[in-house]
Amino acid sequence: MAASLIACSNGSANAVSQPSAATPSCTVSGPAKFVDRAGGATALCQAVEQALGRGDTPGTHRVELSVLSASSMAATVHLADGRTLPELRTGVSDGVINAGVVSRFAQDIANQIASNLKHRP
């Protein structure tokens, strides 16, 4: 697993994972209180890294996670080949982001990457 560095400034939290051959780089942005409630930047990136490690997602991809509120997140994925995939969003209508939501969203991100790599233009 790649080492992570967390930096907080101006009300945002960012996590940057150092890329390796099989690990994506990941950044997390959003108000610190929402990022913390979602499990923290490191945990969010680790969930994405674990999901990508379980799937067919070769290459180093960049994932930009945005915690928009206590109940919603978005992700933009930049593939290793330079393509940017459409933004993914998730939300919880009757609660807040929790570990289960993060895990499912991370798996959705991995599935989107795998699908796009399988169906290259």
N, C-alpha and C. Protein backbone atom coordinates (compact mmCIF):
# COMPACT_ATOMS: atom_id res chain seq x y z
N MET A 1 0.85 -1.17 0.00
CA MET A 1 0.00 0.00 0.00
C MET A 1 0.89 1.23 0.00
N ALA A 2 0.48 2.22 -0.72
CA ALA A 2 1.28 3.44 -0.83
C ALA A 2 1.20 4.25 0.46
N ALA A 3 2.24 4.98 0.73
CA ALA A 3 2.26 5.86 1.90
C ALA A 3 1.37 7.06 1.61
N SER A 4 0.74 7.61 2.64
CA SER A 4 -0.15 8.75 2.46
C SER A 4 0.33 9.93 3.26
N LEU A 5 0.05 11.10 2.75
CA LEU A 5 0.38 12.35 3.41
C LEU A 5 -0.89 13.14 3.51
N ILE A 6 -1.21 13.66 4.70
CA ILE A 6 -2.42 14.44 4.88
C ILE A 6 -2.02 15.87 5.21
N ALA A 7 -2.66 16.81 4.54
CA ALA A 7 -2.42 18.23 4.82
C ALA A 7 -3.76 18.92 4.91
N CYS A 8 -3.96 19.74 5.91
CA CYS A 8 -5.20 20.49 6.07
C CYS A 8 -4.89 21.97 6.02
N SER A 9 -5.66 22.70 5.21
CA SER A 9 -5.50 24.14 5.16
C SER A 9 -6.77 24.77 4.64
N ASN A 10 -7.07 25.96 5.10
CA ASN A 10 -8.23 26.73 4.65
C ASN A 10 -9.52 25.93 4.67
N GLY A 11 -9.71 25.10 5.68
CA GLY A 11 -10.96 24.35 5.81
C GLY A 11 -11.08 23.17 4.89
N SER A 12 -10.01 22.79 4.19
CA SER A 12 -10.07 21.61 3.34
C SER A 12 -9.08 20.59 3.82
N ALA A 13 -9.39 19.34 3.50
CA ALA A 13 -8.46 18.26 3.82
C ALA A 13 -8.05 17.62 2.51
N ASN A 14 -6.79 17.33 2.38
CA ASN A 14 -6.29 16.69 1.16
C ASN A 14 -5.43 15.51 1.54
N ALA A 15 -5.57 14.42 0.80
CA ALA A 15 -4.69 13.27 0.99
C ALA A 15 -4.07 12.98 -0.36
N VAL A 16 -2.79 12.75 -0.35
CA VAL A 16 -2.11 12.42 -1.59
C VAL A 16 -1.35 11.14 -1.35
N SER A 17 -1.67 10.13 -2.13
CA SER A 17 -0.96 8.86 -2.03
C SER A 17 0.09 8.82 -3.11
N GLN A 18 1.26 8.38 -2.76
CA GLN A 18 2.33 8.26 -3.75
C GLN A 18 2.00 7.09 -4.68
N PRO A 19 1.97 7.30 -5.99
CA PRO A 19 1.61 6.22 -6.91
C PRO A 19 2.69 5.16 -6.99
N SER A 20 2.24 3.93 -7.20
CA SER A 20 3.13 2.82 -7.51
C SER A 20 2.54 2.14 -8.73
N ALA A 21 3.12 1.07 -9.18
CA ALA A 21 2.68 0.42 -10.41
C ALA A 21 1.22 -0.02 -10.34
N ALA A 22 0.73 -0.44 -9.18
CA ALA A 22 -0.62 -0.96 -9.09
C ALA A 22 -1.53 -0.11 -8.23
N THR A 23 -1.10 1.05 -7.79
CA THR A 23 -1.87 1.85 -6.86
C THR A 23 -2.19 3.21 -7.48
N PRO A 24 -3.45 3.65 -7.36
CA PRO A 24 -3.80 4.95 -7.91
C PRO A 24 -3.30 6.07 -7.02
N SER A 25 -3.16 7.25 -7.60
CA SER A 25 -2.95 8.41 -6.74
C SER A 25 -4.35 8.92 -6.42
N CYS A 26 -4.49 9.50 -5.26
CA CYS A 26 -5.81 9.89 -4.78
C CYS A 26 -5.72 11.21 -4.05
N THR A 27 -6.67 12.10 -4.33
CA THR A 27 -6.77 13.33 -3.57
C THR A 27 -8.19 13.45 -3.04
N VAL A 28 -8.32 14.06 -1.90
CA VAL A 28 -9.63 14.28 -1.28
C VAL A 28 -9.75 15.76 -0.96
N SER A 29 -10.87 16.36 -1.34
CA SER A 29 -11.10 17.76 -1.02
C SER A 29 -12.49 17.92 -0.44
N GLY A 30 -12.67 19.01 0.22
CA GLY A 30 -13.96 19.33 0.82
C GLY A 30 -13.74 19.91 2.20
N PRO A 31 -14.80 20.48 2.77
CA PRO A 31 -14.67 21.02 4.12
C PRO A 31 -14.18 19.95 5.10
N ALA A 32 -13.21 20.28 5.92
CA ALA A 32 -12.58 19.31 6.83
C ALA A 32 -13.60 18.57 7.68
N LYS A 33 -14.63 19.27 8.14
CA LYS A 33 -15.61 18.60 9.02
C LYS A 33 -16.35 17.49 8.26
N PHE A 34 -16.62 17.67 6.98
CA PHE A 34 -17.30 16.63 6.21
C PHE A 34 -16.34 15.50 5.87
N VAL A 35 -15.10 15.83 5.53
CA VAL A 35 -14.09 14.79 5.24
C VAL A 35 -13.88 13.94 6.48
N ASP A 36 -13.75 14.56 7.63
CA ASP A 36 -13.56 13.82 8.88
C ASP A 36 -14.75 12.93 9.18
N ARG A 37 -15.96 13.43 9.00
CA ARG A 37 -17.17 12.62 9.24
C ARG A 37 -17.25 11.43 8.29
N ALA A 38 -16.67 11.57 7.10
CA ALA A 38 -16.69 10.48 6.11
C ALA A 38 -15.61 9.44 6.39
N GLY A 39 -14.80 9.66 7.43
CA GLY A 39 -13.77 8.69 7.79
C GLY A 39 -12.36 9.23 7.67
N GLY A 40 -12.20 10.41 7.09
CA GLY A 40 -10.88 11.00 6.93
C GLY A 40 -10.32 10.73 5.55
N ALA A 41 -9.46 11.61 5.11
CA ALA A 41 -8.90 11.54 3.76
C ALA A 41 -8.14 10.25 3.52
N THR A 42 -7.34 9.83 4.49
CA THR A 42 -6.55 8.61 4.31
C THR A 42 -7.46 7.40 4.14
N ALA A 43 -8.48 7.29 4.97
CA ALA A 43 -9.41 6.15 4.88
C ALA A 43 -10.15 6.14 3.54
N LEU A 44 -10.54 7.33 3.05
CA LEU A 44 -11.23 7.40 1.76
C LEU A 44 -10.33 6.90 0.63
N CYS A 45 -9.08 7.35 0.62
CA CYS A 45 -8.16 6.91 -0.43
C CYS A 45 -7.82 5.44 -0.28
N GLN A 46 -7.69 4.96 0.94
CA GLN A 46 -7.41 3.54 1.14
C GLN A 46 -8.55 2.68 0.61
N ALA A 47 -9.79 3.13 0.80
CA ALA A 47 -10.94 2.39 0.28
C ALA A 47 -10.87 2.29 -1.24
N VAL A 48 -10.51 3.39 -1.91
CA VAL A 48 -10.38 3.39 -3.37
C VAL A 48 -9.24 2.46 -3.78
N GLU A 49 -8.10 2.56 -3.11
CA GLU A 49 -6.95 1.71 -3.44
C GLU A 49 -7.29 0.24 -3.28
N GLN A 50 -8.00 -0.10 -2.20
CA GLN A 50 -8.38 -1.50 -1.98
C GLN A 50 -9.33 -1.99 -3.06
N ALA A 51 -10.31 -1.17 -3.42
CA ALA A 51 -11.26 -1.56 -4.46
C ALA A 51 -10.55 -1.76 -5.80
N LEU A 52 -9.62 -0.88 -6.12
CA LEU A 52 -8.89 -1.02 -7.38
C LEU A 52 -7.98 -2.24 -7.34
N GLY A 53 -7.45 -2.56 -6.19
CA GLY A 53 -6.58 -3.73 -6.05
C GLY A 53 -7.33 -5.04 -6.24
N ARG A 54 -8.65 -5.03 -5.99
CA ARG A 54 -9.45 -6.25 -6.14
C ARG A 54 -9.93 -6.45 -7.58
N GLY A 55 -9.85 -5.40 -8.40
CA GLY A 55 -10.43 -5.48 -9.74
C GLY A 55 -9.39 -5.54 -10.83
N ASP A 56 -9.89 -5.45 -12.06
CA ASP A 56 -9.05 -5.48 -13.24
C ASP A 56 -8.79 -4.04 -13.68
N THR A 57 -7.89 -3.36 -12.94
CA THR A 57 -7.64 -1.93 -13.19
C THR A 57 -6.14 -1.65 -13.28
N PRO A 58 -5.46 -2.28 -14.24
CA PRO A 58 -4.01 -2.06 -14.33
C PRO A 58 -3.67 -0.62 -14.68
N GLY A 59 -2.53 -0.18 -14.21
CA GLY A 59 -2.08 1.18 -14.51
C GLY A 59 -2.22 2.07 -13.29
N THR A 60 -1.67 3.24 -13.39
CA THR A 60 -1.76 4.22 -12.31
C THR A 60 -2.78 5.27 -12.72
N HIS A 61 -3.88 5.29 -12.00
CA HIS A 61 -4.97 6.21 -12.29
C HIS A 61 -5.05 7.25 -11.18
N ARG A 62 -5.50 8.44 -11.52
CA ARG A 62 -5.65 9.50 -10.52
C ARG A 62 -7.13 9.67 -10.20
N VAL A 63 -7.45 9.59 -8.93
CA VAL A 63 -8.83 9.72 -8.48
C VAL A 63 -8.93 10.97 -7.60
N GLU A 64 -9.85 11.86 -7.97
CA GLU A 64 -10.10 13.08 -7.19
C GLU A 64 -11.45 12.94 -6.52
N LEU A 65 -11.43 12.74 -5.20
CA LEU A 65 -12.66 12.63 -4.43
C LEU A 65 -13.02 13.98 -3.84
N SER A 66 -14.29 14.34 -3.91
CA SER A 66 -14.77 15.57 -3.30
C SER A 66 -15.89 15.21 -2.34
N VAL A 67 -15.71 15.55 -1.08
CA VAL A 67 -16.77 15.37 -0.10
C VAL A 67 -17.55 16.68 -0.12
N LEU A 68 -18.75 16.62 -0.67
CA LEU A 68 -19.53 17.83 -0.93
C LEU A 68 -20.34 18.28 0.29
N SER A 69 -20.77 17.32 1.08
CA SER A 69 -21.55 17.61 2.28
C SER A 69 -21.46 16.39 3.19
N ALA A 70 -22.17 16.41 4.28
CA ALA A 70 -22.15 15.26 5.20
C ALA A 70 -22.79 14.03 4.55
N SER A 71 -23.53 14.25 3.46
CA SER A 71 -24.25 13.13 2.86
C SER A 71 -23.98 12.92 1.37
N SER A 72 -23.01 13.62 0.78
CA SER A 72 -22.75 13.42 -0.65
C SER A 72 -21.27 13.56 -0.99
N MET A 73 -20.86 12.78 -2.00
CA MET A 73 -19.49 12.79 -2.50
C MET A 73 -19.51 12.70 -4.02
N ALA A 74 -18.42 13.13 -4.62
CA ALA A 74 -18.24 13.02 -6.07
C ALA A 74 -16.81 12.55 -6.33
N ALA A 75 -16.60 11.96 -7.50
CA ALA A 75 -15.26 11.51 -7.87
C ALA A 75 -15.04 11.75 -9.36
N THR A 76 -13.85 12.22 -9.67
CA THR A 76 -13.40 12.35 -11.05
C THR A 76 -12.19 11.45 -11.20
N VAL A 77 -12.19 10.65 -12.26
CA VAL A 77 -11.13 9.68 -12.49
C VAL A 77 -10.37 10.05 -13.75
N HIS A 78 -9.05 10.12 -13.62
CA HIS A 78 -8.16 10.35 -14.76
C HIS A 78 -7.39 9.05 -14.97
N LEU A 79 -7.65 8.40 -16.12
CA LEU A 79 -7.01 7.13 -16.40
C LEU A 79 -5.54 7.31 -16.75
N ALA A 80 -4.79 6.24 -16.60
CA ALA A 80 -3.36 6.26 -16.91
C ALA A 80 -3.10 6.65 -18.36
N ASP A 81 -4.06 6.37 -19.26
CA ASP A 81 -3.87 6.70 -20.68
C ASP A 81 -4.24 8.15 -21.01
N GLY A 82 -4.58 8.95 -19.98
CA GLY A 82 -4.87 10.36 -20.19
C GLY A 82 -6.34 10.72 -20.28
N ARG A 83 -7.21 9.74 -20.43
CA ARG A 83 -8.64 10.03 -20.50
C ARG A 83 -9.20 10.40 -19.13
N THR A 84 -10.20 11.28 -19.14
CA THR A 84 -10.93 11.62 -17.92
C THR A 84 -12.33 11.06 -18.05
N LEU A 85 -12.76 10.30 -17.06
CA LEU A 85 -14.07 9.68 -17.10
C LEU A 85 -15.13 10.63 -16.54
N PRO A 86 -16.39 10.41 -16.89
CA PRO A 86 -17.47 11.26 -16.35
C PRO A 86 -17.49 11.19 -14.82
N GLU A 87 -17.87 12.30 -14.22
CA GLU A 87 -17.92 12.37 -12.76
C GLU A 87 -18.93 11.37 -12.21
N LEU A 88 -18.55 10.73 -11.13
CA LEU A 88 -19.45 9.85 -10.38
C LEU A 88 -19.90 10.60 -9.13
N ARG A 89 -21.13 10.36 -8.71
CA ARG A 89 -21.65 10.97 -7.49
C ARG A 89 -22.37 9.92 -6.66
N THR A 90 -22.35 10.11 -5.36
CA THR A 90 -23.12 9.27 -4.47
C THR A 90 -23.67 10.14 -3.35
N GLY A 91 -24.75 9.70 -2.78
CA GLY A 91 -25.35 10.45 -1.69
C GLY A 91 -26.18 9.54 -0.81
N VAL A 92 -26.42 10.00 0.38
CA VAL A 92 -27.24 9.29 1.34
C VAL A 92 -28.44 10.18 1.64
N SER A 93 -29.63 9.70 1.34
CA SER A 93 -30.81 10.55 1.52
C SER A 93 -31.32 10.59 2.95
N ASP A 94 -30.98 9.58 3.74
CA ASP A 94 -31.53 9.52 5.09
C ASP A 94 -30.46 9.41 6.18
N GLY A 95 -29.28 9.93 5.91
CA GLY A 95 -28.22 9.86 6.91
C GLY A 95 -26.97 10.57 6.42
N VAL A 96 -25.84 10.10 6.91
CA VAL A 96 -24.55 10.69 6.54
C VAL A 96 -23.66 9.63 5.94
N ILE A 97 -22.60 10.07 5.28
CA ILE A 97 -21.62 9.16 4.71
C ILE A 97 -21.02 8.32 5.83
N ASN A 98 -20.93 7.02 5.60
CA ASN A 98 -20.33 6.12 6.57
C ASN A 98 -19.42 5.14 5.85
N ALA A 99 -18.82 4.23 6.57
CA ALA A 99 -17.86 3.29 5.98
C ALA A 99 -18.49 2.46 4.87
N GLY A 100 -19.73 2.05 5.03
CA GLY A 100 -20.41 1.26 3.99
C GLY A 100 -20.59 2.04 2.70
N VAL A 101 -21.00 3.29 2.83
CA VAL A 101 -21.19 4.16 1.65
C VAL A 101 -19.85 4.36 0.95
N VAL A 102 -18.80 4.62 1.73
CA VAL A 102 -17.46 4.82 1.17
C VAL A 102 -17.02 3.57 0.42
N SER A 103 -17.20 2.42 1.03
CA SER A 103 -16.78 1.16 0.39
C SER A 103 -17.52 0.93 -0.93
N ARG A 104 -18.83 1.14 -0.94
CA ARG A 104 -19.61 0.95 -2.17
C ARG A 104 -19.22 1.96 -3.24
N PHE A 105 -18.98 3.20 -2.84
CA PHE A 105 -18.58 4.23 -3.80
C PHE A 105 -17.20 3.90 -4.38
N ALA A 106 -16.29 3.44 -3.53
CA ALA A 106 -14.96 3.04 -4.01
C ALA A 106 -15.08 1.91 -5.02
N GLN A 107 -15.97 0.95 -4.76
CA GLN A 107 -16.16 -0.15 -5.70
C GLN A 107 -16.77 0.34 -7.00
N ASP A 108 -17.68 1.31 -6.93
CA ASP A 108 -18.24 1.91 -8.15
C ASP A 108 -17.15 2.57 -8.99
N ILE A 109 -16.21 3.25 -8.32
CA ILE A 109 -15.09 3.88 -9.02
C ILE A 109 -14.24 2.83 -9.71
N ALA A 110 -13.91 1.75 -8.99
CA ALA A 110 -13.11 0.67 -9.58
C ALA A 110 -13.84 0.03 -10.76
N ASN A 111 -15.15 -0.17 -10.63
CA ASN A 111 -15.94 -0.76 -11.72
C ASN A 111 -15.94 0.15 -12.94
N GLN A 112 -16.04 1.46 -12.73
CA GLN A 112 -16.03 2.40 -13.86
C GLN A 112 -14.68 2.33 -14.58
N ILE A 113 -13.60 2.29 -13.83
CA ILE A 113 -12.27 2.20 -14.44
C ILE A 113 -12.14 0.91 -15.23
N ALA A 114 -12.50 -0.21 -14.60
CA ALA A 114 -12.38 -1.52 -15.27
C ALA A 114 -13.21 -1.56 -16.54
N SER A 115 -14.43 -1.05 -16.49
CA SER A 115 -15.30 -1.05 -17.65
C SER A 115 -14.73 -0.23 -18.79
N ASN A 116 -14.17 0.93 -18.46
CA ASN A 116 -13.60 1.79 -19.50
C ASN A 116 -12.31 1.21 -20.07
N LEU A 117 -11.55 0.51 -19.27
CA LEU A 117 -10.34 -0.12 -19.79
C LEU A 117 -10.68 -1.29 -20.68
N LYS A 118 -11.75 -1.98 -20.37
CA LYS A 118 -12.19 -3.14 -21.16
C LYS A 118 -12.75 -2.71 -22.50
N HIS A 119 -13.39 -1.54 -22.53
CA HIS A 119 -14.07 -1.06 -23.74
C HIS A 119 -13.37 0.18 -24.28
N ARG A 120 -12.10 0.09 -24.49
CA ARG A 120 -11.35 1.24 -25.04
C ARG A 120 -11.81 1.56 -26.45
N PRO A 121 -11.85 2.87 -26.77
CA PRO A 121 -12.28 3.25 -28.12
C PRO A 121 -11.24 2.87 -29.16
